[in-house]
Amino acid sequence: MRYLYTLAMYLVTPLIVLRLALRGFRSRPYYWRWAERFGFFKAPLNLRDSLWVHAVSVGEVNAAEPLIKALQRDHPDTPLVVTTVTPTGTARVRQLFGGSVFHIYLPYDLPYAVHRFLRGVRPRLALIVETEIWPNLYFACRRRGIPLMIVNARLSERSLRGYQPRPLRGMVRAALGCVSLVAAQSRADAARYRLIGAPAERVLVCGNLKYDMPVPQDALAAGARLRGHWGARRPVWIAASTHEGEEQAVLEAHLAVLKRLPDALLLIAPRHPERFRPVEHAVRSLGFAIGTYSADAAPVPSNQVFVIDAMGQLMPFYAAAGLAFVGGSLVPIGGHNVLEPAALCTPVLVGPHTFNFEEITASLIEHGGALRVPDSGSLGGAVLGLLRDDARRREMGQAAQQVFERERGAVGRLMQLIDAQLRK
């Protein structure tokens, strides 16, 4: 099956490159550094025995941030390599770590590309964040004697079904046999990894790294400054990490809110940079008084909608908002990180599709820190109800922050496992 898989990868590679080129029409960084996706890059001379962390995109990079900083703290003389797949993930790595890590794109799962990549990086340990099972890469690590760990491992019911078709089972099981340890986020994730073939004795539950994410020390102060621009008592909500199919629902919800609260302000932050311009056009077409981060930096009292058209700027706006709707949940994307607003004592709203953050979201809802809306038509009413109830928002925000604080500690547990692997 792996030979057939490899043949299929070679056959679809032209289509993958075409898709990359088409995405470049909307986001120019997709045109950059193509050679790295085939394993061609100039490696620094000091990469031997590096620690390698792979994080697909922005969400995984954010999750890995506390782990990477712990590795830098505990292994200051060891070179650190971070790979991503998307330009937005690349930008986030640069924003968080600058030149303190060596960043490249992970190559496609083609044997010759994987061989060149590993020959250049020469890792002592490979740490794959969340859910990335690439058979050729995993087998190559085993052949070279590179211990491989899947950390902060998660596997949704949807992903589980994707790995279970009969032709894939044996190959996935064999690939997972190359993994030294699966450090799962939850008991449910651990059980699913065992179901797809991870050896039971190599699967442990460590908790979610996202609970250990550092809260920017100046986020609350920056939020207070933002509120100074629009007035401390003004009703403000944020729709964060939105996708196509959600922005229109969010804007319609805000129209409903404005009928009862004429001075309400919506902050909207599309998930991907290629959505910035379409969202701005949609806002203008509906007649809202608009501001944008790129042009104005902060909202002014006359703004009804403010588009956050920049990456990595959410935390101050979460701190400033009265409540946060976290996107990717009204459409079947699976939701995004609900812990960022929770960490800042901001109550959370989500839609019906949260399978990427299943247990975290369920915990927030169970303890009163979040509410789920059943569909896009219910969003406006939920937002309006919370914006008009200061006491309930305070209670929800405090409950959300308590859940966040209670679940911290995954980094410490994971670092003990990493150190044990390095001592072998």
Protein backbone atom coordinates (compact mmCIF):
# COMPACT_ATOMS: atom_id res chain seq x y z
CA MET A 1 0.00 0.00 0.00
CA ARG A 2 2.84 2.40 0.70
CA TYR A 3 4.20 1.90 -2.83
CA LEU A 4 0.74 2.64 -4.23
CA TYR A 5 0.47 5.64 -1.91
CA THR A 6 3.84 6.94 -3.11
CA LEU A 7 2.84 6.46 -6.75
CA ALA A 8 -0.38 8.36 -6.06
CA MET A 9 1.63 11.18 -4.43
CA TYR A 10 3.82 11.49 -7.52
CA LEU A 11 0.74 11.53 -9.77
CA VAL A 12 -1.09 14.21 -7.79
CA THR A 13 1.97 16.43 -7.22
CA PRO A 14 1.31 18.48 -10.41
CA LEU A 15 -2.23 19.11 -9.17
CA ILE A 16 -0.89 20.13 -5.75
CA VAL A 17 1.50 22.58 -7.41
CA LEU A 18 -1.34 23.95 -9.56
CA ARG A 19 -3.46 24.46 -6.45
CA LEU A 20 -0.53 26.23 -4.80
CA ALA A 21 -0.23 28.52 -7.82
CA LEU A 22 -3.95 29.28 -7.81
CA ARG A 23 -3.84 30.13 -4.12
CA GLY A 24 -1.01 32.51 -4.96
CA PHE A 25 -3.44 34.67 -6.92
CA ARG A 26 -5.20 35.43 -3.63
CA SER A 27 -2.18 35.34 -1.31
CA ARG A 28 1.19 36.19 -2.86
CA PRO A 29 3.32 34.37 -0.22
CA TYR A 30 2.14 31.06 -1.70
CA TYR A 31 4.48 31.82 -4.63
CA TRP A 32 7.53 32.00 -2.40
CA ARG A 33 10.04 29.31 -1.41
CA TRP A 34 8.61 26.53 -3.60
CA ALA A 35 11.92 24.65 -3.62
CA GLU A 36 11.57 23.90 0.08
CA ARG A 37 8.38 21.97 -0.61
CA PHE A 38 10.53 19.51 -2.55
CA GLY A 39 13.30 19.31 0.05
CA PHE A 40 15.68 21.87 -1.48
CA PHE A 41 17.03 24.40 1.02
CA LYS A 42 20.33 25.72 2.31
CA ALA A 43 20.84 24.37 5.80
CA PRO A 44 22.95 26.24 8.36
CA LEU A 45 26.10 24.38 9.35
CA ASN A 46 25.02 24.03 12.99
CA LEU A 47 21.83 22.01 12.47
CA ARG A 48 23.27 18.59 13.40
CA ASP A 49 21.31 16.95 16.25
CA SER A 50 18.61 19.59 16.05
CA LEU A 51 15.22 19.41 17.70
CA TRP A 52 12.55 19.57 15.00
CA VAL A 53 8.98 20.76 15.62
CA HIS A 54 6.38 20.54 12.84
CA ALA A 55 3.28 22.75 13.15
CA VAL A 56 1.00 22.91 10.09
CA SER A 57 -0.34 26.45 10.27
CA VAL A 58 -1.24 29.33 12.59
CA GLY A 59 -3.31 27.32 15.06
CA GLU A 60 -0.66 24.63 15.51
CA VAL A 61 2.12 27.23 15.79
CA ASN A 62 0.18 29.00 18.52
CA ALA A 63 -0.37 25.69 20.30
CA ALA A 64 3.33 24.85 20.02
CA GLU A 65 4.52 28.24 21.28
CA PRO A 66 4.85 27.25 24.97
CA LEU A 67 6.54 23.98 24.00
CA ILE A 68 9.06 25.67 21.70
CA LYS A 69 9.88 28.24 24.38
CA ALA A 70 10.35 25.45 26.91
CA LEU A 71 12.72 23.67 24.50
CA GLN A 72 14.68 26.89 24.02
CA ARG A 73 14.88 27.36 27.79
CA ASP A 74 15.91 23.79 28.67
CA HIS A 75 18.14 23.13 25.61
CA PRO A 76 19.66 26.54 24.83
CA ASP A 77 22.62 25.12 22.91
CA THR A 78 20.57 22.81 20.68
CA PRO A 79 19.49 24.15 17.26
CA LEU A 80 15.73 24.27 16.85
CA VAL A 81 13.97 23.70 13.52
CA VAL A 82 10.31 24.62 12.99
CA THR A 83 8.42 23.56 9.86
CA THR A 84 5.03 24.70 8.66
CA VAL A 85 2.90 24.16 5.54
CA THR A 86 1.18 27.54 5.06
CA PRO A 87 2.50 31.10 4.62
CA THR A 88 0.35 32.27 7.54
CA GLY A 89 2.01 29.67 9.74
CA THR A 90 5.38 30.89 8.49
CA ALA A 91 4.52 34.49 9.33
CA ARG A 92 3.45 33.47 12.82
CA VAL A 93 6.72 31.60 13.43
CA ARG A 94 8.66 34.70 12.44
CA GLN A 95 6.47 36.92 14.62
CA LEU A 96 6.89 34.71 17.70
CA PHE A 97 10.49 33.54 17.38
CA GLY A 98 12.27 35.71 14.83
CA GLY A 99 15.69 34.27 14.02
CA SER A 100 15.95 32.15 17.17
CA VAL A 101 14.65 29.12 15.23
CA PHE A 102 15.40 27.87 11.73
CA HIS A 103 12.17 27.79 9.72
CA ILE A 104 11.48 25.92 6.47
CA TYR A 105 8.43 24.44 4.80
CA LEU A 106 7.80 20.74 5.33
CA PRO A 107 8.33 19.00 1.99
CA TYR A 108 5.66 16.97 0.24
CA ASP A 109 5.60 13.33 1.33
CA LEU A 110 7.72 12.17 -1.60
CA PRO A 111 10.67 9.88 -0.76
CA TYR A 112 13.36 11.96 -2.46
CA ALA A 113 12.01 15.22 -0.93
CA VAL A 114 11.81 13.68 2.54
CA HIS A 115 15.35 12.27 2.16
CA ARG A 116 16.80 15.70 1.27
CA PHE A 117 14.90 17.36 4.10
CA LEU A 118 16.12 14.95 6.78
CA ARG A 119 19.67 15.00 5.40
CA GLY A 120 19.69 18.80 5.78
CA VAL A 121 17.94 19.07 9.14
CA ARG A 122 19.58 16.01 10.80
CA PRO A 123 17.21 16.03 13.78
CA ARG A 124 17.88 14.33 17.08
CA LEU A 125 14.15 14.24 17.82
CA ALA A 126 11.04 14.96 15.73
CA LEU A 127 7.95 16.47 17.35
CA ILE A 128 4.80 16.50 15.20
CA VAL A 129 2.08 18.79 16.55
CA GLU A 130 -1.54 17.54 16.66
CA THR A 131 -2.47 15.41 13.60
CA GLU A 132 -0.03 14.91 10.73
CA ILE A 133 0.48 11.31 9.60
CA TRP A 134 2.78 11.18 6.57
CA PRO A 135 3.82 7.55 5.89
CA ASN A 136 6.99 8.20 3.87
CA LEU A 137 8.22 10.77 6.40
CA TYR A 138 7.51 8.46 9.34
CA PHE A 139 9.24 5.48 7.74
CA ALA A 140 12.24 7.64 6.81
CA CYS A 141 12.57 8.78 10.44
CA ARG A 142 12.55 5.16 11.61
CA ARG A 143 15.17 4.13 9.04
CA ARG A 144 17.45 6.94 10.22
CA GLY A 145 16.88 6.15 13.91
CA ILE A 146 15.15 9.47 14.59
CA PRO A 147 12.69 9.21 17.53
CA LEU A 148 9.35 10.68 16.51
CA MET A 149 6.64 11.93 18.89
CA ILE A 150 3.15 13.19 18.07
CA VAL A 151 2.56 15.89 20.69
CA ASN A 152 -0.64 17.68 21.65
CA ALA A 153 -2.15 14.86 19.59
CA ARG A 154 -5.78 15.17 18.66
CA LEU A 155 -8.02 13.12 16.40
CA SER A 156 -11.63 14.11 15.84
CA GLU A 157 -14.39 11.66 15.00
CA ARG A 158 -14.35 13.07 11.48
CA SER A 159 -10.61 12.48 11.09
CA LEU A 160 -10.97 9.02 12.61
CA ARG A 161 -13.42 8.05 9.86
CA GLY A 162 -10.97 9.34 7.26
CA TYR A 163 -8.25 6.96 8.45
CA GLN A 164 -10.49 3.89 8.70
CA PRO A 165 -11.20 2.84 5.07
CA ARG A 166 -9.82 -0.67 4.63
CA PRO A 167 -7.11 0.18 2.03
CA LEU A 168 -5.58 2.73 4.43
CA ARG A 169 -5.74 0.84 7.71
CA GLY A 170 -2.60 -1.24 7.31
CA MET A 171 -0.49 1.65 6.05
CA VAL A 172 -1.64 4.00 8.82
CA ARG A 173 -1.04 1.30 11.43
CA ALA A 174 2.46 0.69 10.05
CA ALA A 175 3.22 4.43 9.99
CA LEU A 176 2.10 4.80 13.61
CA GLY A 177 4.35 1.88 14.46
CA CYS A 178 7.25 4.24 13.66
CA VAL A 179 6.13 6.65 16.38
CA SER A 180 7.92 6.48 19.73
CA LEU A 181 5.13 8.18 21.68
CA VAL A 182 1.72 9.76 21.15
CA ALA A 183 1.08 12.46 23.76
CA ALA A 184 -2.68 12.98 23.41
CA GLN A 185 -4.72 15.99 24.45
CA SER A 186 -7.50 13.92 26.04
CA ARG A 187 -8.65 10.39 26.80
CA ALA A 188 -10.95 10.50 23.76
CA ASP A 189 -8.06 11.49 21.48
CA ALA A 190 -5.89 8.74 22.95
CA ALA A 191 -8.62 6.15 22.35
CA ARG A 192 -8.99 7.23 18.72
CA TYR A 193 -5.25 6.97 18.09
CA ARG A 194 -5.34 3.43 19.44
CA LEU A 195 -8.26 2.65 17.14
CA ILE A 196 -6.29 3.64 14.04
CA GLY A 197 -3.31 1.53 15.06
CA ALA A 198 -1.06 3.39 17.49
CA PRO A 199 0.45 0.83 19.90
CA ALA A 200 -1.53 1.15 23.13
CA GLU A 201 1.57 1.22 25.34
CA ARG A 202 2.94 4.24 23.43
CA VAL A 203 -0.17 6.42 23.85
CA LEU A 204 -0.39 8.69 26.90
CA VAL A 205 -2.65 11.59 27.88
CA CYS A 206 -0.73 14.81 28.59
CA GLY A 207 -3.41 17.51 28.25
CA ASN A 208 -3.65 20.39 25.82
CA LEU A 209 -0.68 22.68 25.19
CA LYS A 210 -3.05 25.50 24.33
CA TYR A 211 -3.93 25.85 28.01
CA ASP A 212 -0.26 26.69 28.62
CA MET A 213 -0.09 29.39 25.99
CA PRO A 214 1.44 32.58 27.36
CA VAL A 215 -1.04 35.38 27.83
CA PRO A 216 0.65 38.59 26.59
CA GLN A 217 1.38 40.69 29.64
CA ASP A 218 0.22 43.86 27.95
CA ALA A 219 -2.96 42.39 26.40
CA LEU A 220 -5.29 43.67 29.12
CA ALA A 221 -3.64 47.11 29.13
CA ALA A 222 -3.81 47.24 25.33
CA GLY A 223 -7.48 46.25 25.53
CA ALA A 224 -8.13 49.09 27.98
CA ARG A 225 -6.45 51.54 25.59
CA LEU A 226 -8.61 50.29 22.73
CA ARG A 227 -11.75 50.81 24.79
CA GLY A 228 -10.58 54.37 25.35
CA HIS A 229 -10.96 54.94 21.60
CA TRP A 230 -14.63 53.99 21.53
CA GLY A 231 -15.86 54.52 25.10
CA ALA A 232 -15.77 52.10 28.00
CA ARG A 233 -19.54 51.55 28.08
CA ARG A 234 -19.99 50.96 24.36
CA PRO A 235 -21.32 47.46 23.48
CA VAL A 236 -18.58 45.71 21.49
CA TRP A 237 -18.25 42.14 20.22
CA ILE A 238 -15.67 40.37 18.13
CA ALA A 239 -16.07 37.68 15.46
CA ALA A 240 -12.65 36.05 15.22
CA SER A 241 -11.10 33.58 12.75
CA THR A 242 -14.11 33.71 10.44
CA HIS A 243 -14.37 31.77 7.18
CA GLU A 244 -16.21 32.24 3.90
CA GLY A 245 -19.85 31.46 4.62
CA GLU A 246 -19.64 32.97 8.11
CA GLU A 247 -18.84 36.62 7.50
CA GLN A 248 -22.23 37.33 5.91
CA ALA A 249 -23.99 35.69 8.85
CA VAL A 250 -21.89 37.76 11.28
CA LEU A 251 -22.72 41.02 9.45
CA GLU A 252 -26.42 40.16 9.38
CA ALA A 253 -26.26 39.42 13.09
CA HIS A 254 -24.70 42.83 13.66
CA LEU A 255 -27.49 44.50 11.69
CA ALA A 256 -29.94 42.88 14.10
CA VAL A 257 -27.88 44.05 17.08
CA LEU A 258 -27.77 47.65 15.79
CA LYS A 259 -31.57 47.81 15.72
CA ARG A 260 -31.61 47.54 19.52
CA LEU A 261 -28.14 48.88 20.33
CA PRO A 262 -27.42 51.63 17.75
CA ASP A 263 -23.94 52.34 19.11
CA ALA A 264 -22.77 48.70 19.00
CA LEU A 265 -19.40 47.92 17.41
CA LEU A 266 -18.39 44.72 15.63
CA LEU A 267 -14.73 43.73 15.35
CA ILE A 268 -14.28 41.10 12.64
CA ALA A 269 -11.04 39.19 12.01
CA PRO A 270 -11.04 36.83 8.98
CA ARG A 271 -9.00 33.68 9.46
CA HIS A 272 -6.97 33.96 6.24
CA PRO A 273 -5.34 37.03 4.66
CA GLU A 274 -6.99 36.35 1.29
CA ARG A 275 -10.33 37.02 3.00
CA PHE A 276 -9.37 40.51 4.21
CA ARG A 277 -10.34 42.37 1.04
CA PRO A 278 -13.59 40.44 0.32
CA VAL A 279 -14.75 41.00 3.90
CA GLU A 280 -14.00 44.71 3.67
CA HIS A 281 -16.02 44.90 0.44
CA ALA A 282 -18.92 43.01 2.06
CA VAL A 283 -18.94 45.43 5.00
CA ARG A 284 -18.98 48.47 2.72
CA SER A 285 -21.69 46.99 0.48
CA LEU A 286 -24.02 46.72 3.48
CA GLY A 287 -23.54 50.38 4.30
CA PHE A 288 -21.68 50.08 7.60
CA ALA A 289 -19.38 52.85 8.74
CA ILE A 290 -16.10 50.94 8.56
CA GLY A 291 -12.56 51.13 9.84
CA THR A 292 -9.67 48.75 9.22
CA TYR A 293 -6.58 47.85 11.20
CA SER A 294 -4.27 48.44 8.24
CA ALA A 295 -5.57 51.97 7.67
CA ASP A 296 -6.63 53.13 11.13
CA ALA A 297 -4.91 50.86 13.73
CA ALA A 298 -7.86 51.22 16.13
CA PRO A 299 -11.61 51.86 15.86
CA VAL A 300 -13.06 55.31 16.40
CA PRO A 301 -16.52 56.13 17.84
CA SER A 302 -18.03 56.55 14.36
CA ASN A 303 -17.14 53.00 13.26
CA GLN A 304 -19.90 50.40 13.27
CA VAL A 305 -17.63 47.62 11.98
CA PHE A 306 -13.85 47.37 12.29
CA VAL A 307 -12.00 44.82 10.11
CA ILE A 308 -8.85 43.41 11.71
CA ASP A 309 -6.94 42.82 8.48
CA ALA A 310 -3.67 41.67 10.07
CA MET A 311 -2.34 38.45 11.53
CA GLY A 312 -1.40 37.94 15.18
CA GLN A 313 -3.37 40.91 16.54
CA LEU A 314 -6.32 39.19 18.20
CA MET A 315 -5.37 39.22 21.87
CA PRO A 316 -5.76 42.97 22.57
CA PHE A 317 -9.08 42.97 20.72
CA TYR A 318 -10.26 39.91 22.67
CA ALA A 319 -9.38 41.78 25.86
CA ALA A 320 -11.28 44.86 24.70
CA ALA A 321 -14.46 43.11 23.52
CA GLY A 322 -17.48 42.32 25.65
CA LEU A 323 -17.83 38.86 24.08
CA ALA A 324 -16.22 36.78 21.37
CA PHE A 325 -17.70 34.62 18.64
CA VAL A 326 -15.01 32.15 17.52
CA GLY A 327 -15.32 31.25 13.85
CA GLY A 328 -14.95 28.08 11.87
CA SER A 329 -17.93 26.85 13.87
CA LEU A 330 -20.94 28.04 11.83
CA VAL A 331 -19.51 26.16 8.85
CA PRO A 332 -18.11 22.61 9.08
CA ILE A 333 -14.49 23.68 9.55
CA GLY A 334 -14.43 22.41 13.13
CA GLY A 335 -13.88 25.62 15.06
CA HIS A 336 -10.80 27.48 16.23
CA ASN A 337 -9.07 28.32 19.50
CA VAL A 338 -11.61 29.24 22.16
CA LEU A 339 -8.93 29.48 24.84
CA GLU A 340 -7.53 32.84 23.74
CA PRO A 341 -10.67 34.78 24.73
CA ALA A 342 -11.17 32.50 27.75
CA ALA A 343 -7.68 33.36 29.03
CA LEU A 344 -8.63 37.06 28.94
CA CYS A 345 -11.91 36.58 30.83
CA THR A 346 -13.99 37.15 27.70
CA PRO A 347 -17.19 35.07 27.30
CA VAL A 348 -17.34 32.87 24.21
CA LEU A 349 -19.94 32.05 21.56
CA VAL A 350 -19.52 29.15 19.12
CA GLY A 351 -21.61 27.55 16.39
CA PRO A 352 -22.53 23.88 16.03
CA HIS A 353 -19.26 22.69 14.41
CA THR A 354 -16.50 22.52 17.03
CA PHE A 355 -15.03 19.05 16.47
CA ASN A 356 -11.46 20.41 16.29
CA PHE A 357 -11.78 21.65 19.87
CA GLU A 358 -14.36 19.19 21.09
CA GLU A 359 -13.38 18.69 24.74
CA ILE A 360 -12.20 22.26 25.35
CA THR A 361 -15.44 23.70 24.00
CA ALA A 362 -17.54 21.18 25.92
CA SER A 363 -15.70 22.06 29.13
CA LEU A 364 -16.24 25.80 28.63
CA ILE A 365 -19.93 25.27 27.91
CA GLU A 366 -20.37 22.90 30.87
CA HIS A 367 -18.78 25.36 33.31
CA GLY A 368 -20.67 28.38 31.98
CA GLY A 369 -17.87 30.12 30.10
CA ALA A 370 -19.30 29.62 26.61
CA LEU A 371 -22.60 29.32 24.75
CA ARG A 372 -23.36 27.39 21.59
CA VAL A 373 -25.71 28.80 18.94
CA PRO A 374 -27.44 26.15 16.80
CA ASP A 375 -27.19 28.05 13.50
CA SER A 376 -26.30 31.38 11.91
CA GLY A 377 -29.83 32.70 12.35
CA SER A 378 -29.47 32.45 16.12
CA LEU A 379 -26.23 34.41 16.35
CA GLY A 380 -27.71 37.92 16.42
CA GLY A 381 -30.13 37.09 19.25
CA ALA A 382 -27.39 35.47 21.34
CA VAL A 383 -25.04 38.42 20.84
CA LEU A 384 -27.76 40.94 21.67
CA GLY A 385 -28.80 39.05 24.79
CA LEU A 386 -25.26 38.99 26.17
CA LEU A 387 -24.44 42.59 25.23
CA ARG A 388 -27.49 43.70 27.22
CA ASP A 389 -26.60 41.64 30.30
CA ASP A 390 -23.40 42.91 31.92
CA ALA A 391 -23.69 40.64 34.96
CA ARG A 392 -24.01 37.48 32.88
CA ARG A 393 -21.04 38.44 30.73
CA ARG A 394 -18.90 38.96 33.83
CA GLU A 395 -19.96 35.56 35.21
CA MET A 396 -19.24 33.84 31.89
CA GLY A 397 -15.86 35.53 31.54
CA GLN A 398 -14.80 34.50 35.02
CA ALA A 399 -15.96 30.92 34.42
CA ALA A 400 -14.05 30.78 31.13
CA GLN A 401 -10.86 32.03 32.76
CA GLN A 402 -11.19 29.50 35.60
CA VAL A 403 -11.42 26.63 33.10
CA PHE A 404 -8.33 27.95 31.34
CA GLU A 405 -6.30 28.21 34.56
CA ARG A 406 -7.43 24.83 35.91
CA GLU A 407 -6.22 22.87 32.87
CA ARG A 408 -2.69 24.27 32.62
CA GLY A 409 0.40 22.07 33.02
CA ALA A 410 0.65 20.09 29.77
CA VAL A 411 4.04 21.60 28.85
CA GLY A 412 5.67 20.36 32.04
CA ARG A 413 4.34 16.84 31.55
CA LEU A 414 5.40 16.81 27.91
CA MET A 415 8.91 18.11 28.64
CA GLN A 416 9.46 15.19 31.02
CA LEU A 417 8.56 12.76 28.21
CA ILE A 418 10.81 14.62 25.73
CA ASP A 419 13.75 14.56 28.12
CA ALA A 420 13.23 10.82 28.65
CA GLN A 421 13.38 10.30 24.87
CA LEU A 422 16.54 12.38 24.59
CA ARG A 423 18.26 10.35 27.32
CA LYS A 424 17.71 7.03 25.50
